Amino acid sequence: NLSVLGFNPWDRKNEFLKQISLVMGQKNQLWWDLPAMETFILNKEIYEIPKKQYEETLTELVDLLEVKDILKIQVRKLSLGQRMKCELIATLLHSPKILFLDEPTIGLDVVSQKKMRDFIKEYNHRKKSTIILTSHYMGDVKELCQRVVIIDKGKLIFDGELKEITEEYADHKIISVIFAKEVDPKKLEEIGQVRDYSFPRAVFLVKREVASVAAAELLQHYPIADLNIEEVPIEDIIREVFTGKDFA
């Protein structure tokens, strides 16, 4: 049995539906030929939002998302980033306790992606709503998620904090080096697995427990201009989880 907010979600009771909301990056609820404001007014009636609450919530969301100047422009004339902001407002007007976000930054440029993530974090901080994000874009996951659930063919294969994925599936770290002078590539294998070498840059894959030792050896025995130790990219870790292939 599954209980959400004390309800069986399959019953789809109005009392339950009024406490959840959904934003889909590839589907719109805004009326294409009308200004976004018209959809907001419609949603006010659908969700039976009291006038004062509606006005206060709308003002707060408009200010947070900085969309005051576009509310009376036809939706079809807005940019994708502007439309997504208005989609969020329409979704949040009734102050849902649970918000489902499906690929909320898909198609957005890097500036709009950051603004969207910043808003989601700020909204979560202010309202304490539960936010469930589904995404194939790891940038969203890294920036927004504390708890991560990975499902493969309907089977739960991971449920925990993001850092635990790294600890469980990635026993290596990446050392990136910029050499000040040319070096013998063959000797570099003594440090660890060389993923890439093209002077002046080299990338090593080393066991997590000896990463600091390997870095010290590089600094001691080679002409180093710059050195950086990083975790294996989350994209590579997820690929490992699903395919079983290593990070090399």
Protein backbone atom coordinates (compact mmCIF):
# COMPACT_ATOMS: atom_id res chain seq x y z
CA ASN A 1 0.00 0.00 0.00
CA LEU A 2 1.13 3.54 -0.77
CA SER A 3 -0.03 6.56 1.19
CA VAL A 4 0.63 10.15 0.10
CA LEU A 5 -0.43 12.93 2.48
CA GLY A 6 -2.69 10.37 4.11
CA PHE A 7 -4.48 9.55 0.83
CA ASN A 8 -4.44 6.61 -1.55
CA PRO A 9 -3.28 8.41 -4.74
CA TRP A 10 -5.14 6.00 -7.01
CA ASP A 11 -8.45 7.23 -5.59
CA ARG A 12 -7.70 10.70 -7.06
CA LYS A 13 -9.87 12.46 -4.49
CA ASN A 14 -10.23 16.21 -4.94
CA GLU A 15 -8.90 16.78 -1.43
CA PHE A 16 -5.70 15.02 -2.49
CA LEU A 17 -5.39 16.53 -5.97
CA LYS A 18 -5.61 20.04 -4.53
CA GLN A 19 -2.45 19.37 -2.53
CA ILE A 20 -0.20 18.26 -5.40
CA SER A 21 0.97 19.79 -8.65
CA LEU A 22 2.97 18.86 -11.74
CA VAL A 23 5.26 20.74 -14.13
CA MET A 24 6.36 18.98 -17.31
CA GLY A 25 9.12 20.53 -19.37
CA GLN A 26 7.61 19.33 -22.65
CA LYS A 27 3.91 19.88 -21.95
CA ASN A 28 2.04 23.11 -21.31
CA GLN A 29 -0.98 23.98 -19.24
CA LEU A 30 -0.92 27.63 -20.34
CA TRP A 31 -3.39 28.63 -23.03
CA TRP A 32 -1.24 29.28 -26.11
CA ASP A 33 -3.18 32.22 -27.58
CA LEU A 34 -3.96 33.92 -24.27
CA PRO A 35 -1.78 35.84 -21.83
CA ALA A 36 -0.48 33.76 -18.93
CA MET A 37 -2.58 35.87 -16.57
CA GLU A 38 -5.74 34.34 -18.01
CA THR A 39 -4.55 30.84 -17.07
CA PHE A 40 -3.74 32.06 -13.56
CA ILE A 41 -7.28 33.40 -13.17
CA LEU A 42 -8.71 30.12 -14.46
CA ASN A 43 -6.62 28.10 -12.01
CA LYS A 44 -7.78 30.33 -9.18
CA GLU A 45 -11.34 29.24 -9.90
CA ILE A 46 -10.49 25.57 -10.49
CA TYR A 47 -8.63 25.27 -7.19
CA GLU A 48 -11.07 27.55 -5.36
CA ILE A 49 -8.27 29.77 -4.09
CA PRO A 50 -9.52 32.62 -1.86
CA LYS A 51 -8.98 36.02 -3.47
CA LYS A 52 -6.58 37.34 -0.82
CA GLN A 53 -4.48 34.16 -0.87
CA TYR A 54 -4.42 34.20 -4.67
CA GLU A 55 -3.27 37.81 -4.85
CA GLU A 56 -0.58 37.34 -2.20
CA THR A 57 0.74 34.14 -3.75
CA LEU A 58 0.69 35.57 -7.27
CA THR A 59 2.57 38.69 -6.18
CA GLU A 60 5.19 36.61 -4.37
CA LEU A 61 5.76 34.26 -7.32
CA VAL A 62 5.83 37.06 -9.89
CA ASP A 63 8.44 38.90 -7.84
CA LEU A 64 10.56 35.79 -7.31
CA LEU A 65 10.53 34.89 -11.00
CA GLU A 66 10.73 38.49 -12.24
CA VAL A 67 7.93 38.17 -14.80
CA LYS A 68 5.77 41.21 -14.03
CA ASP A 69 6.27 42.69 -17.51
CA ILE A 70 5.16 39.60 -19.47
CA LEU A 71 1.94 38.56 -17.74
CA LYS A 72 -0.30 40.21 -20.35
CA ILE A 73 1.62 39.00 -23.41
CA GLN A 74 0.25 36.05 -25.40
CA VAL A 75 2.00 32.86 -24.32
CA ARG A 76 2.99 31.98 -27.90
CA LYS A 77 5.06 35.19 -28.05
CA LEU A 78 7.11 34.33 -24.97
CA SER A 79 10.52 32.68 -24.96
CA LEU A 80 10.83 29.14 -23.62
CA GLY A 81 12.38 30.43 -20.41
CA GLN A 82 9.58 32.94 -19.91
CA ARG A 83 6.94 30.27 -20.57
CA MET A 84 8.50 27.90 -18.04
CA LYS A 85 8.44 30.61 -15.39
CA CYS A 86 4.75 31.20 -16.06
CA GLU A 87 4.12 27.44 -16.02
CA LEU A 88 5.61 27.33 -12.54
CA ILE A 89 3.40 30.16 -11.35
CA ALA A 90 0.28 28.45 -12.69
CA THR A 91 1.36 25.26 -10.95
CA LEU A 92 2.12 26.85 -7.59
CA LEU A 93 -0.80 29.25 -7.16
CA HIS A 94 -2.68 26.82 -4.90
CA SER A 95 0.44 26.24 -2.74
CA PRO A 96 0.75 22.47 -3.24
CA LYS A 97 2.37 20.41 -0.51
CA ILE A 98 3.97 18.13 -3.10
CA LEU A 99 5.39 19.40 -6.39
CA PHE A 100 6.38 17.03 -9.19
CA LEU A 101 8.91 18.43 -11.67
CA ASP A 102 9.50 16.47 -14.87
CA GLU A 103 12.54 17.75 -16.82
CA PRO A 104 11.89 21.37 -15.72
CA THR A 105 15.00 22.82 -17.43
CA ILE A 106 14.82 20.92 -20.72
CA GLY A 107 15.62 23.15 -23.68
CA LEU A 108 16.61 26.13 -21.54
CA ASP A 109 19.87 28.02 -22.01
CA VAL A 110 22.42 27.93 -19.19
CA VAL A 111 21.32 31.28 -17.74
CA SER A 112 17.66 30.24 -17.65
CA GLN A 113 18.60 26.86 -16.18
CA LYS A 114 20.37 28.53 -13.27
CA LYS A 115 17.49 30.92 -12.65
CA MET A 116 15.06 28.00 -12.66
CA ARG A 117 17.17 26.02 -10.18
CA ASP A 118 17.63 29.06 -7.94
CA PHE A 119 13.88 29.59 -7.87
CA ILE A 120 13.15 25.95 -7.05
CA LYS A 121 15.62 26.02 -4.15
CA GLU A 122 14.24 29.31 -2.85
CA TYR A 123 10.64 28.10 -3.13
CA ASN A 124 11.49 24.89 -1.28
CA HIS A 125 13.22 26.91 1.44
CA ARG A 126 10.25 29.26 1.86
CA LYS A 127 7.36 26.84 1.59
CA LYS A 128 8.92 23.59 2.88
CA SER A 129 7.11 21.72 0.11
CA THR A 130 8.21 18.26 -0.91
CA ILE A 131 9.67 18.43 -4.43
CA ILE A 132 10.08 15.31 -6.54
CA LEU A 133 12.27 15.84 -9.60
CA THR A 134 12.55 13.44 -12.52
CA SER A 135 15.36 14.26 -14.90
CA HIS A 136 17.96 12.81 -17.25
CA TYR A 137 19.99 15.98 -16.81
CA MET A 138 22.50 15.46 -14.02
CA GLY A 139 23.08 19.20 -13.62
CA ASP A 140 19.59 19.48 -12.12
CA VAL A 141 20.15 16.46 -9.90
CA LYS A 142 23.46 17.75 -8.52
CA GLU A 143 22.11 21.24 -7.87
CA LEU A 144 18.70 20.39 -6.43
CA CYS A 145 18.53 16.91 -4.94
CA GLN A 146 19.44 15.74 -1.47
CA ARG A 147 17.90 12.30 -1.87
CA VAL A 148 18.21 10.32 -5.11
CA VAL A 149 16.15 7.35 -6.27
CA ILE A 150 17.30 5.33 -9.28
CA ILE A 151 14.81 3.01 -10.98
CA ASP A 152 15.72 0.56 -13.74
CA LYS A 153 12.93 -1.25 -15.59
CA GLY A 154 10.57 -0.71 -12.67
CA LYS A 155 13.06 -1.97 -10.09
CA LEU A 156 14.46 0.24 -7.34
CA ILE A 157 18.24 -0.04 -7.51
CA PHE A 158 19.31 2.91 -5.36
CA ASP A 159 17.74 5.13 -2.72
CA GLY A 160 19.94 7.48 -0.73
CA GLU A 161 21.88 10.72 -0.67
CA LEU A 162 23.69 11.86 -3.79
CA LYS A 163 27.10 11.55 -2.11
CA GLU A 164 26.33 7.91 -1.27
CA ILE A 165 26.14 7.07 -4.98
CA THR A 166 29.73 8.23 -5.35
CA GLU A 167 30.84 6.30 -2.28
CA GLU A 168 29.06 3.10 -3.33
CA TYR A 169 29.73 3.00 -7.07
CA ALA A 170 32.87 5.08 -7.63
CA ASP A 171 35.99 3.82 -5.88
CA HIS A 172 38.21 6.09 -7.99
CA LYS A 173 39.00 9.78 -8.23
CA ILE A 174 40.23 11.81 -11.19
CA ILE A 175 43.49 13.76 -11.07
CA SER A 176 43.89 16.40 -13.78
CA VAL A 177 47.37 17.81 -14.32
CA ILE A 178 48.93 20.58 -16.39
CA PHE A 179 52.65 19.98 -16.87
CA ALA A 180 55.10 22.87 -17.05
CA LYS A 181 57.47 20.80 -19.21
CA GLU A 182 57.28 17.76 -21.49
CA VAL A 183 57.39 14.42 -19.61
CA ASP A 184 57.81 10.74 -20.50
CA PRO A 185 54.25 9.38 -21.00
CA LYS A 186 55.33 5.81 -20.18
CA LYS A 187 56.40 6.79 -16.66
CA LEU A 188 53.01 8.29 -15.94
CA GLU A 189 51.50 4.81 -15.66
CA GLU A 190 53.37 4.51 -12.35
CA ILE A 191 51.00 7.11 -10.91
CA GLY A 192 47.74 5.49 -12.00
CA GLN A 193 45.63 4.72 -15.03
CA VAL A 194 46.19 7.41 -17.65
CA ARG A 195 42.80 8.27 -19.14
CA ASP A 196 44.22 10.94 -21.41
CA TYR A 197 47.57 12.54 -22.19
CA SER A 198 48.13 15.36 -24.61
CA PHE A 199 50.86 17.72 -23.48
CA PRO A 200 50.57 19.78 -21.39
CA ARG A 201 47.49 18.03 -19.96
CA ALA A 202 47.12 14.57 -18.43
CA VAL A 203 44.16 12.91 -16.72
CA PHE A 204 44.60 10.01 -14.28
CA LEU A 205 42.09 7.61 -12.76
CA VAL A 206 43.34 6.50 -9.33
CA LYS A 207 41.90 4.57 -6.41
CA ARG A 208 40.09 6.85 -3.99
CA GLU A 209 42.21 5.81 -1.00
CA VAL A 210 45.52 6.67 -2.72
CA ALA A 211 44.46 9.83 -4.57
CA SER A 212 46.31 12.15 -2.18
CA VAL A 213 49.43 9.97 -2.34
CA ALA A 214 49.36 9.99 -6.15
CA ALA A 215 48.96 13.77 -6.17
CA ALA A 216 51.93 14.13 -3.82
CA GLU A 217 54.08 11.94 -6.09
CA LEU A 218 53.19 14.04 -9.10
CA LEU A 219 54.06 17.26 -7.30
CA GLN A 220 57.33 15.82 -6.02
CA HIS A 221 58.65 14.17 -9.18
CA TYR A 222 57.15 16.11 -12.09
CA PRO A 223 57.13 19.75 -13.26
CA ILE A 224 53.53 20.64 -12.38
CA ALA A 225 51.90 23.92 -13.37
CA ASP A 226 48.46 22.96 -12.04
CA LEU A 227 46.82 19.95 -10.36
CA ASN A 228 43.22 19.20 -9.49
CA ILE A 229 41.58 16.21 -7.77
CA GLU A 230 37.93 15.60 -8.65
CA GLU A 231 35.20 13.06 -8.12
CA VAL A 232 34.18 10.91 -11.07
CA PRO A 233 31.43 12.85 -12.91
CA ILE A 234 27.96 11.86 -11.75
CA GLU A 235 27.05 11.12 -15.38
CA ASP A 236 29.74 8.41 -15.49
CA ILE A 237 28.61 6.99 -12.17
CA ILE A 238 25.00 6.70 -13.33
CA ARG A 239 26.20 4.99 -16.50
CA GLU A 240 28.12 2.54 -14.33
CA VAL A 241 24.99 1.89 -12.25
CA PHE A 242 22.89 1.05 -15.32
CA THR A 243 25.42 -0.70 -17.54
CA GLY A 244 28.06 -2.07 -15.22
CA LYS A 245 30.78 -0.54 -17.40
CA ASP A 246 33.80 0.97 -15.64
CA PHE A 247 34.87 4.59 -15.82
CA ALA A 248 37.90 4.14 -18.06
